[in-house]
């Protein structure tokens, strides 16, 4: 396999994995919002996830289960960030 084809294959597989992790984090954010009275959507109009609020623990319920979900979501987002750093490192090594 050529180097260029390997980079494309690695990038494609890695991007699908990172997208799945990010979607998982967004779904956790919605669960956290549903458990937090101040973040619940009462307007009836769909809205985006308040992921910034859940990451920074703003207006999030303080019970242990909700906080455990928040910590898990933060770990997934860190995993996503680390995944992009690893991809950059892999591409820079392969490209040499």
PDB file of N, CA and C in Angstrom:
ATOM      1  N   UNK A   1       0.846  -1.175   0.000  1.00  0.00           N
ATOM      2  CA  UNK A   1       0.000   0.000   0.000  1.00  0.00           C
ATOM      3  C   UNK A   1       0.890   1.237   0.000  1.00  0.00           C
ATOM      4  N   UNK A   2       0.546   2.193  -0.801  1.00  0.00           N
ATOM      5  CA  UNK A   2       1.298   3.437  -0.866  1.00  0.00           C
ATOM      6  C   UNK A   2       1.107   4.245   0.406  1.00  0.00           C
ATOM      7  N   UNK A   3       2.030   5.135   0.657  1.00  0.00           N
ATOM      8  CA  UNK A   3       1.950   5.983   1.847  1.00  0.00           C
ATOM      9  C   UNK A   3       0.695   6.859   1.811  1.00  0.00           C
ATOM     10  N   UNK A   4       0.405   7.421   0.648  1.00  0.00           N
ATOM     11  CA  UNK A   4      -0.768   8.289   0.516  1.00  0.00           C
ATOM     12  C   UNK A   4      -2.064   7.546   0.794  1.00  0.00           C
ATOM     13  N   UNK A   5      -2.166   6.320   0.289  1.00  0.00           N
ATOM     14  CA  UNK A   5      -3.369   5.519   0.520  1.00  0.00           C
ATOM     15  C   UNK A   5      -3.494   5.159   2.002  1.00  0.00           C
ATOM     16  N   UNK A   6      -2.363   4.888   2.642  1.00  0.00           N
ATOM     17  CA  UNK A   6      -2.380   4.579   4.075  1.00  0.00           C
ATOM     18  C   UNK A   6      -2.858   5.750   4.903  1.00  0.00           C
ATOM     19  N   UNK A   7      -2.434   6.943   4.518  1.00  0.00           N
ATOM     20  CA  UNK A   7      -2.871   8.147   5.240  1.00  0.00           C
ATOM     21  C   UNK A   7      -4.369   8.336   5.089  1.00  0.00           C
ATOM     22  N   UNK A   8      -4.874   8.149   3.870  1.00  0.00           N
ATOM     23  CA  UNK A   8      -6.313   8.305   3.645  1.00  0.00           C
ATOM     24  C   UNK A   8      -7.112   7.264   4.421  1.00  0.00           C
ATOM     25  N   UNK A   9      -6.643   6.036   4.431  1.00  0.00           N
ATOM     26  CA  UNK A   9      -7.334   4.981   5.155  1.00  0.00           C
ATOM     27  C   UNK A   9      -7.320   5.258   6.657  1.00  0.00           C
ATOM     28  N   UNK A  10      -6.161   5.609   7.187  1.00  0.00           N
ATOM     29  CA  UNK A  10      -6.048   5.934   8.604  1.00  0.00           C
ATOM     30  C   UNK A  10      -6.936   7.120   8.968  1.00  0.00           C
ATOM     31  N   UNK A  11      -6.914   8.150   8.154  1.00  0.00           N
ATOM     32  CA  UNK A  11      -7.731   9.339   8.425  1.00  0.00           C
ATOM     33  C   UNK A  11      -9.218   9.013   8.404  1.00  0.00           C
ATOM     34  N   UNK A  12      -9.629   8.202   7.463  1.00  0.00           N
ATOM     35  CA  UNK A  12     -11.046   7.854   7.361  1.00  0.00           C
ATOM     36  C   UNK A  12     -11.535   7.049   8.545  1.00  0.00           C
ATOM     37  N   UNK A  13     -10.798   6.022   8.913  1.00  0.00           N
ATOM     38  CA  UNK A  13     -11.198   5.187  10.051  1.00  0.00           C
ATOM     39  C   UNK A  13     -11.164   5.998  11.338  1.00  0.00           C
ATOM     40  N   UNK A  14     -10.106   6.778  11.494  1.00  0.00           N
ATOM     41  CA  UNK A  14      -9.960   7.572  12.716  1.00  0.00           C
ATOM     42  C   UNK A  14     -11.067   8.626  12.820  1.00  0.00           C
ATOM     43  N   UNK A  15     -11.431   9.253  11.713  1.00  0.00           N
ATOM     44  CA  UNK A  15     -12.474  10.280  11.761  1.00  0.00           C
ATOM     45  C   UNK A  15     -13.831   9.688  12.123  1.00  0.00           C
ATOM     46  N   UNK A  16     -14.125   8.501  11.638  1.00  0.00           N
ATOM     47  CA  UNK A  16     -15.383   7.845  12.003  1.00  0.00           C
ATOM     48  C   UNK A  16     -15.397   7.530  13.498  1.00  0.00           C
ATOM     49  N   UNK A  17     -14.262   7.060  14.017  1.00  0.00           N
ATOM     50  CA  UNK A  17     -14.177   6.757  15.453  1.00  0.00           C
ATOM     51  C   UNK A  17     -14.330   8.021  16.293  1.00  0.00           C
ATOM     52  N   UNK A  18     -13.680   9.099  15.897  1.00  0.00           N
ATOM     53  CA  UNK A  18     -13.759  10.349  16.660  1.00  0.00           C
ATOM     54  C   UNK A  18     -15.159  10.959  16.568  1.00  0.00           C
ATOM     55  N   UNK A  19     -15.799  10.817  15.429  1.00  0.00           N
ATOM     56  CA  UNK A  19     -17.167  11.304  15.286  1.00  0.00           C
ATOM     57  C   UNK A  19     -18.111  10.526  16.200  1.00  0.00           C
ATOM     58  N   UNK A  20     -17.919   9.220  16.288  1.00  0.00           N
ATOM     59  CA  UNK A  20     -18.749   8.394  17.180  1.00  0.00           C
ATOM     60  C   UNK A  20     -18.557   8.796  18.638  1.00  0.00           C
ATOM     61  N   UNK A  21     -17.327   9.071  19.040  1.00  0.00           N
ATOM     62  CA  UNK A  21     -17.060   9.499  20.419  1.00  0.00           C
ATOM     63  C   UNK A  21     -17.715  10.847  20.682  1.00  0.00           C
ATOM     64  N   UNK A  22     -17.641  11.773  19.718  1.00  0.00           N
ATOM     65  CA  UNK A  22     -18.241  13.095  19.901  1.00  0.00           C
ATOM     66  C   UNK A  22     -19.765  13.009  19.985  1.00  0.00           C
ATOM     67  N   UNK A  23     -20.367  12.175  19.161  1.00  0.00           N
ATOM     68  CA  UNK A  23     -21.826  11.989  19.222  1.00  0.00           C
ATOM     69  C   UNK A  23     -22.222  11.395  20.565  1.00  0.00           C
ATOM     70  N   UNK A  24     -21.424  10.461  21.078  1.00  0.00           N
ATOM     71  CA  UNK A  24     -21.683   9.878  22.388  1.00  0.00           C
ATOM     72  C   UNK A  24     -21.633  10.967  23.467  1.00  0.00           C
ATOM     73  N   UNK A  25     -20.675  11.879  23.373  1.00  0.00           N
ATOM     74  CA  UNK A  25     -20.579  12.977  24.343  1.00  0.00           C
ATOM     75  C   UNK A  25     -21.785  13.912  24.240  1.00  0.00           C
ATOM     76  N   UNK A  26     -22.250  14.188  23.033  1.00  0.00           N
ATOM     77  CA  UNK A  26     -23.424  15.046  22.862  1.00  0.00           C
ATOM     78  C   UNK A  26     -24.657  14.385  23.461  1.00  0.00           C
ATOM     79  N   UNK A  27     -24.802  13.085  23.252  1.00  0.00           N
ATOM     80  CA  UNK A  27     -25.949  12.376  23.832  1.00  0.00           C
ATOM     81  C   UNK A  27     -25.907  12.423  25.357  1.00  0.00           C
ATOM     82  N   UNK A  28     -24.711  12.307  25.926  1.00  0.00           N
ATOM     83  CA  UNK A  28     -24.576  12.438  27.385  1.00  0.00           C
ATOM     84  C   UNK A  28     -24.935  13.844  27.834  1.00  0.00           C
ATOM     85  N   UNK A  29     -24.567  14.840  27.044  1.00  0.00           N
ATOM     86  CA  UNK A  29     -24.913  16.219  27.385  1.00  0.00           C
ATOM     87  C   UNK A  29     -26.432  16.393  27.444  1.00  0.00           C
ATOM     88  N   UNK A  30     -27.145  15.816  26.493  1.00  0.00           N
ATOM     89  CA  UNK A  30     -28.615  15.888  26.526  1.00  0.00           C
ATOM     90  C   UNK A  30     -29.177  15.193  27.771  1.00  0.00           C
ATOM     91  N   UNK A  31     -28.581  14.054  28.162  1.00  0.00           N
ATOM     92  CA  UNK A  31     -29.040  13.362  29.377  1.00  0.00           C
ATOM     93  C   UNK A  31     -28.788  14.211  30.614  1.00  0.00           C
ATOM     94  N   UNK A  32     -27.653  14.888  30.652  1.00  0.00           N
ATOM     95  CA  UNK A  32     -27.334  15.760  31.777  1.00  0.00           C
ATOM     96  C   UNK A  32     -28.327  16.921  31.822  1.00  0.00           C
ATOM     97  N   UNK A  33     -28.638  17.501  30.679  1.00  0.00           N
ATOM     98  CA  UNK A  33     -29.607  18.598  30.619  1.00  0.00           C
ATOM     99  C   UNK A  33     -30.981  18.143  31.106  1.00  0.00           C
ATOM    100  N   UNK A  34     -31.367  16.937  30.757  1.00  0.00           N
ATOM    101  CA  UNK A  34     -32.674  16.419  31.186  1.00  0.00           C
ATOM    102  C   UNK A  34     -32.727  16.234  32.696  1.00  0.00           C
ATOM    103  N   UNK A  35     -31.609  15.973  33.328  1.00  0.00           N
ATOM    104  CA  UNK A  35     -31.553  15.772  34.769  1.00  0.00           C
ATOM    105  C   UNK A  35     -31.372  17.081  35.532  1.00  0.00           C
ATOM    106  N   UNK A  36     -31.064  18.174  34.824  1.00  0.00           N
ATOM    107  CA  UNK A  36     -30.795  19.466  35.463  1.00  0.00           C
ATOM    108  C   UNK A  36     -31.967  20.415  35.212  1.00  0.00           C
ATOM    109  N   UNK A  37     -32.718  20.759  36.249  1.00  0.00           N
ATOM    110  CA  UNK A  37     -33.907  21.597  36.059  1.00  0.00           C
ATOM    111  C   UNK A  37     -33.633  22.937  35.372  1.00  0.00           C
ATOM    112  N   UNK A  38     -32.499  23.557  35.638  1.00  0.00           N
ATOM    113  CA  UNK A  38     -32.214  24.863  35.043  1.00  0.00           C
ATOM    114  C   UNK A  38     -31.821  24.777  33.573  1.00  0.00           C
ATOM    115  N   UNK A  39     -31.469  23.597  33.096  1.00  0.00           N
ATOM    116  CA  UNK A  39     -31.067  23.426  31.703  1.00  0.00           C
ATOM    117  C   UNK A  39     -32.137  22.777  30.838  1.00  0.00           C
ATOM    118  N   UNK A  40     -33.245  22.388  31.429  1.00  0.00           N
ATOM    119  CA  UNK A  40     -34.278  21.703  30.661  1.00  0.00           C
ATOM    120  C   UNK A  40     -34.912  22.640  29.643  1.00  0.00           C
ATOM    121  N   UNK A  41     -35.207  22.081  28.485  1.00  0.00           N
ATOM    122  CA  UNK A  41     -35.833  22.840  27.411  1.00  0.00           C
ATOM    123  C   UNK A  41     -37.345  22.787  27.592  1.00  0.00           C
ATOM    124  N   UNK A  42     -37.919  23.890  28.027  1.00  0.00           N
ATOM    125  CA  UNK A  42     -39.371  23.939  28.246  1.00  0.00           C
ATOM    126  C   UNK A  42     -40.089  24.692  27.137  1.00  0.00           C
ATOM    127  N   UNK A  43     -39.359  25.191  26.149  1.00  0.00           N
ATOM    128  CA  UNK A  43     -39.975  25.982  25.089  1.00  0.00           C
ATOM    129  C   UNK A  43     -40.724  25.127  24.074  1.00  0.00           C
ATOM    130  N   UNK A  44     -40.351  23.859  23.955  1.00  0.00           N
ATOM    131  CA  UNK A  44     -40.961  22.996  22.965  1.00  0.00           C
ATOM    132  C   UNK A  44     -40.290  23.083  21.607  1.00  0.00           C
ATOM    133  N   UNK A  45     -39.376  24.011  21.454  1.00  0.00           N
ATOM    134  CA  UNK A  45     -38.633  24.171  20.212  1.00  0.00           C
ATOM    135  C   UNK A  45     -37.299  23.434  20.358  1.00  0.00           C
ATOM    136  N   UNK A  46     -36.956  22.584  19.408  1.00  0.00           N
ATOM    137  CA  UNK A  46     -35.673  21.871  19.521  1.00  0.00           C
ATOM    138  C   UNK A  46     -34.505  22.851  19.561  1.00  0.00           C
ATOM    139  N   UNK A  47     -33.476  22.470  20.300  1.00  0.00           N
ATOM    140  CA  UNK A  47     -32.285  23.315  20.378  1.00  0.00           C
ATOM    141  C   UNK A  47     -31.044  22.425  20.423  1.00  0.00           C
ATOM    142  N   UNK A  48     -29.914  23.061  20.227  1.00  0.00           N
ATOM    143  CA  UNK A  48     -28.644  22.349  20.286  1.00  0.00           C
ATOM    144  C   UNK A  48     -28.317  21.996  21.733  1.00  0.00           C
ATOM    145  N   UNK A  49     -27.436  21.045  21.895  1.00  0.00           N
ATOM    146  CA  UNK A  49     -26.997  20.661  23.234  1.00  0.00           C
ATOM    147  C   UNK A  49     -26.249  21.824  23.877  1.00  0.00           C
ATOM    148  N   UNK A  50     -26.455  22.001  25.154  1.00  0.00           N
ATOM    149  CA  UNK A  50     -25.746  23.043  25.902  1.00  0.00           C
ATOM    150  C   UNK A  50     -24.448  22.451  26.446  1.00  0.00           C
ATOM    151  N   UNK A  51     -23.613  22.001  25.541  1.00  0.00           N
ATOM    152  CA  UNK A  51     -22.416  21.270  25.925  1.00  0.00           C
ATOM    153  C   UNK A  51     -21.446  22.159  26.703  1.00  0.00           C
ATOM    154  N   UNK A  52     -21.385  23.454  26.383  1.00  0.00           N
ATOM    155  CA  UNK A  52     -20.509  24.355  27.125  1.00  0.00           C
ATOM    156  C   UNK A  52     -20.927  24.430  28.592  1.00  0.00           C
ATOM    157  N   UNK A  53     -22.240  24.484  28.835  1.00  0.00           N
ATOM    158  CA  UNK A  53     -22.748  24.522  30.210  1.00  0.00           C
ATOM    159  C   UNK A  53     -22.406  23.237  30.962  1.00  0.00           C
ATOM    160  N   UNK A  54     -22.568  22.109  30.293  1.00  0.00           N
ATOM    161  CA  UNK A  54     -22.316  20.843  30.983  1.00  0.00           C
ATOM    162  C   UNK A  54     -20.825  20.604  31.216  1.00  0.00           C
ATOM    163  N   UNK A  55     -19.990  21.058  30.305  1.00  0.00           N
ATOM    164  CA  UNK A  55     -18.543  20.904  30.503  1.00  0.00           C
ATOM    165  C   UNK A  55     -18.073  21.754  31.674  1.00  0.00           C
ATOM    166  N   UNK A  56     -18.559  22.986  31.743  1.00  0.00           N
ATOM    167  CA  UNK A  56     -18.119  23.909  32.793  1.00  0.00           C
ATOM    168  C   UNK A  56     -18.934  23.787  34.073  1.00  0.00           C
ATOM    169  N   UNK A  57     -19.906  22.900  34.097  1.00  0.00           N
ATOM    170  CA  UNK A  57     -20.733  22.640  35.287  1.00  0.00           C
ATOM    171  C   UNK A  57     -21.593  23.838  35.671  1.00  0.00           C
ATOM    172  N   UNK A  58     -22.028  24.603  34.678  1.00  0.00           N
ATOM    173  CA  UNK A  58     -22.897  25.753  34.928  1.00  0.00           C
ATOM    174  C   UNK A  58     -24.356  25.311  34.888  1.00  0.00           C
ATOM    175  N   UNK A  59     -25.060  25.551  35.959  1.00  0.00           N
ATOM    176  CA  UNK A  59     -26.494  25.243  36.084  1.00  0.00           C
ATOM    177  C   UNK A  59     -26.785  23.750  35.995  1.00  0.00           C
ATOM    178  N   UNK A  60     -25.791  22.923  36.250  1.00  0.00           N
ATOM    179  CA  UNK A  60     -25.960  21.464  36.199  1.00  0.00           C
ATOM    180  C   UNK A  60     -26.358  20.986  37.591  1.00  0.00           C
ATOM    181  N   UNK A  61     -27.269  20.017  37.636  1.00  0.00           N
ATOM    182  CA  UNK A  61     -27.694  19.450  38.919  1.00  0.00           C
ATOM    183  C   UNK A  61     -26.484  18.893  39.664  1.00  0.00           C
ATOM    184  N   UNK A  62     -26.499  19.034  40.976  1.00  0.00           N
ATOM    185  CA  UNK A  62     -25.335  18.661  41.788  1.00  0.00           C
ATOM    186  C   UNK A  62     -25.403  17.241  42.354  1.00  0.00           C
ATOM    187  N   UNK A  63     -26.436  16.471  41.991  1.00  0.00           N
ATOM    188  CA  UNK A  63     -26.509  15.112  42.524  1.00  0.00           C
ATOM    189  C   UNK A  63     -25.388  14.255  41.933  1.00  0.00           C
ATOM    190  N   UNK A  64     -25.054  13.198  42.636  1.00  0.00           N
ATOM    191  CA  UNK A  64     -23.888  12.383  42.277  1.00  0.00           C
ATOM    192  C   UNK A  64     -24.022  11.721  40.901  1.00  0.00           C
ATOM    193  N   UNK A  65     -25.204  11.254  40.554  1.00  0.00           N
ATOM    194  CA  UNK A  65     -25.381  10.588  39.259  1.00  0.00           C
ATOM    195  C   UNK A  65     -25.162  11.553  38.097  1.00  0.00           C
ATOM    196  N   UNK A  66     -25.707  12.758  38.205  1.00  0.00           N
ATOM    197  CA  UNK A  66     -25.534  13.749  37.144  1.00  0.00           C
ATOM    198  C   UNK A  66     -24.075  14.159  37.031  1.00  0.00           C
ATOM    199  N   UNK A  67     -23.417  14.332  38.161  1.00  0.00           N
ATOM    200  CA  UNK A  67     -22.004  14.703  38.141  1.00  0.00           C
ATOM    201  C   UNK A  67     -21.143  13.570  37.556  1.00  0.00           C
ATOM    202  N   UNK A  68     -21.530  12.332  37.813  1.00  0.00           N
ATOM    203  CA  UNK A  68     -20.808  11.198  37.233  1.00  0.00           C
ATOM    204  C   UNK A  68     -20.977  11.192  35.709  1.00  0.00           C
ATOM    205  N   UNK A  69     -22.183  11.499  35.226  1.00  0.00           N
ATOM    206  CA  UNK A  69     -22.409  11.598  33.783  1.00  0.00           C
ATOM    207  C   UNK A  69     -21.567  12.719  33.186  1.00  0.00           C
ATOM    208  N   UNK A  70     -21.485  13.835  33.898  1.00  0.00           N
ATOM    209  CA  UNK A  70     -20.698  14.973  33.423  1.00  0.00           C
ATOM    210  C   UNK A  70     -19.211  14.623  33.346  1.00  0.00           C
ATOM    211  N   UNK A  71     -18.715  13.931  34.360  1.00  0.00           N
ATOM    212  CA  UNK A  71     -17.303  13.525  34.332  1.00  0.00           C
ATOM    213  C   UNK A  71     -17.040  12.568  33.167  1.00  0.00           C
ATOM    214  N   UNK A  72     -17.968  11.662  32.917  1.00  0.00           N
ATOM    215  CA  UNK A  72     -17.827  10.720  31.807  1.00  0.00           C
ATOM    216  C   UNK A  72     -17.825  11.476  30.474  1.00  0.00           C
ATOM    217  N   UNK A  73     -18.710  12.464  30.336  1.00  0.00           N
ATOM    218  CA  UNK A  73     -18.752  13.256  29.114  1.00  0.00           C
ATOM    219  C   UNK A  73     -17.445  14.025  28.930  1.00  0.00           C
ATOM    220  N   UNK A  74     -16.896  14.586  29.999  1.00  0.00           N
ATOM    221  CA  UNK A  74     -15.623  15.300  29.905  1.00  0.00           C
ATOM    222  C   UNK A  74     -14.495  14.367  29.480  1.00  0.00           C
ATOM    223  N   UNK A  75     -14.511  13.141  29.982  1.00  0.00           N
ATOM    224  CA  UNK A  75     -13.496  12.162  29.562  1.00  0.00           C
ATOM    225  C   UNK A  75     -13.617  11.845  28.072  1.00  0.00           C
ATOM    226  N   UNK A  76     -14.848  11.723  27.595  1.00  0.00           N
ATOM    227  CA  UNK A  76     -15.039  11.453  26.168  1.00  0.00           C
ATOM    228  C   UNK A  76     -14.538  12.615  25.315  1.00  0.00           C
ATOM    229  N   UNK A  77     -14.780  13.841  25.755  1.00  0.00           N
ATOM    230  CA  UNK A  77     -14.294  14.997  25.007  1.00  0.00           C
ATOM    231  C   UNK A  77     -12.772  15.081  25.030  1.00  0.00           C
ATOM    232  N   UNK A  78     -12.171  14.723  26.162  1.00  0.00           N
ATOM    233  CA  UNK A  78     -10.708  14.674  26.225  1.00  0.00           C
ATOM    234  C   UNK A  78     -10.160  13.575  25.315  1.00  0.00           C
ATOM    235  N   UNK A  79     -10.855  12.449  25.269  1.00  0.00           N
ATOM    236  CA  UNK A  79     -10.466  11.367  24.365  1.00  0.00           C
ATOM    237  C   UNK A  79     -10.535  11.837  22.915  1.00  0.00           C
ATOM    238  N   UNK A  80     -11.548  12.603  22.604  1.00  0.00           N
ATOM    239  CA  UNK A  80     -11.692  13.150  21.261  1.00  0.00           C
ATOM    240  C   UNK A  80     -10.540  14.090  20.929  1.00  0.00           C
ATOM    241  N   UNK A  81     -10.194  14.953  21.852  1.00  0.00           N
ATOM    242  CA  UNK A  81      -9.072  15.864  21.649  1.00  0.00           C
ATOM    243  C   UNK A  81      -7.761  15.095  21.496  1.00  0.00           C
ATOM    244  N   UNK A  82      -7.553  14.106  22.338  1.00  0.00           N
ATOM    245  CA  UNK A  82      -6.349  13.285  22.247  1.00  0.00           C
ATOM    246  C   UNK A  82      -6.318  12.511  20.929  1.00  0.00           C
ATOM    247  N   UNK A  83      -7.467  12.087  20.455  1.00  0.00           N
ATOM    248  CA  UNK A  83      -7.535  11.372  19.185  1.00  0.00           C
ATOM    249  C   UNK A  83      -7.070  12.228  18.024  1.00  0.00           C
ATOM    250  N   UNK A  84      -7.470  13.492  18.017  1.00  0.00           N
ATOM    251  CA  UNK A  84      -7.015  14.380  16.952  1.00  0.00           C
ATOM    252  C   UNK A  84      -5.516  14.646  17.059  1.00  0.00           C
ATOM    253  N   UNK A  85      -5.003  14.768  18.272  1.00  0.00           N
ATOM    254  CA  UNK A  85      -3.560  14.959  18.454  1.00  0.00           C
ATOM    255  C   UNK A  85      -2.797  13.728  17.976  1.00  0.00           C
ATOM    256  N   UNK A  86      -3.299  12.544  18.282  1.00  0.00           N
ATOM    257  CA  UNK A  86      -2.647  11.322  17.822  1.00  0.00           C
ATOM    258  C   UNK A  86      -2.696  11.185  16.306  1.00  0.00           C
ATOM    259  N   UNK A  87      -3.807  11.565  15.709  1.00  0.00           N
ATOM    260  CA  UNK A  87      -3.907  11.517  14.254  1.00  0.00           C
ATOM    261  C   UNK A  87      -2.889  12.459  13.631  1.00  0.00           C
ATOM    262  N   UNK A  88      -2.768  13.661  14.175  1.00  0.00           N
ATOM    263  CA  UNK A  88      -1.787  14.608  13.655  1.00  0.00           C
ATOM    264  C   UNK A  88      -0.377  14.034  13.765  1.00  0.00           C
ATOM    265  N   UNK A  89      -0.085  13.407  14.909  1.00  0.00           N
ATOM    266  CA  UNK A  89       1.223  12.809  15.110  1.00  0.00           C
ATOM    267  C   UNK A  89       1.467  11.668  14.111  1.00  0.00           C
ATOM    268  N   UNK A  90       0.473  10.827  13.918  1.00  0.00           N
ATOM    269  CA  UNK A  90       0.606   9.702  12.982  1.00  0.00           C
ATOM    270  C   UNK A  90       0.812  10.195  11.560  1.00  0.00           C
ATOM    271  N   UNK A  91       0.066  11.192  11.164  1.00  0.00           N
ATOM    272  CA  UNK A  91       0.193  11.715   9.798  1.00  0.00           C
ATOM    273  C   UNK A  91       1.563  12.366   9.610  1.00  0.00           C
ATOM    274  N   UNK A  92       2.019  13.079  10.617  1.00  0.00           N
ATOM    275  CA  UNK A  92       3.330  13.717  10.489  1.00  0.00           C
ATOM    276  C   UNK A  92       4.446  12.675  10.420  1.00  0.00           C
ATOM    277  N   UNK A  93       4.281  11.543  11.107  1.00  0.00           N
ATOM    278  CA  UNK A  93       5.286  10.475  11.049  1.00  0.00           C
ATOM    279  C   UNK A  93       5.250   9.728   9.715  1.00  0.00           C
ATOM    280  N   UNK A  94       4.064   9.477   9.204  1.00  0.00           N
ATOM    281  CA  UNK A  94       3.917   8.746   7.947  1.00  0.00           C
ATOM    282  C   UNK A  94       4.405   9.587   6.786  1.00  0.00           C
ATOM    283  N   UNK A  95       4.156  10.878   6.852  1.00  0.00           N
ATOM    284  CA  UNK A  95       4.508  11.772   5.752  1.00  0.00           C
ATOM    285  C   UNK A  95       6.002  11.975   5.568  1.00  0.00           C
ATOM    286  N   UNK A  96       6.802  11.569   6.509  1.00  0.00           N
ATOM    287  CA  UNK A  96       8.264  11.776   6.402  1.00  0.00           C
ATOM    288  C   UNK A  96       8.907  10.835   5.457  1.00  0.00           C
TER     289      UNK A  96
END
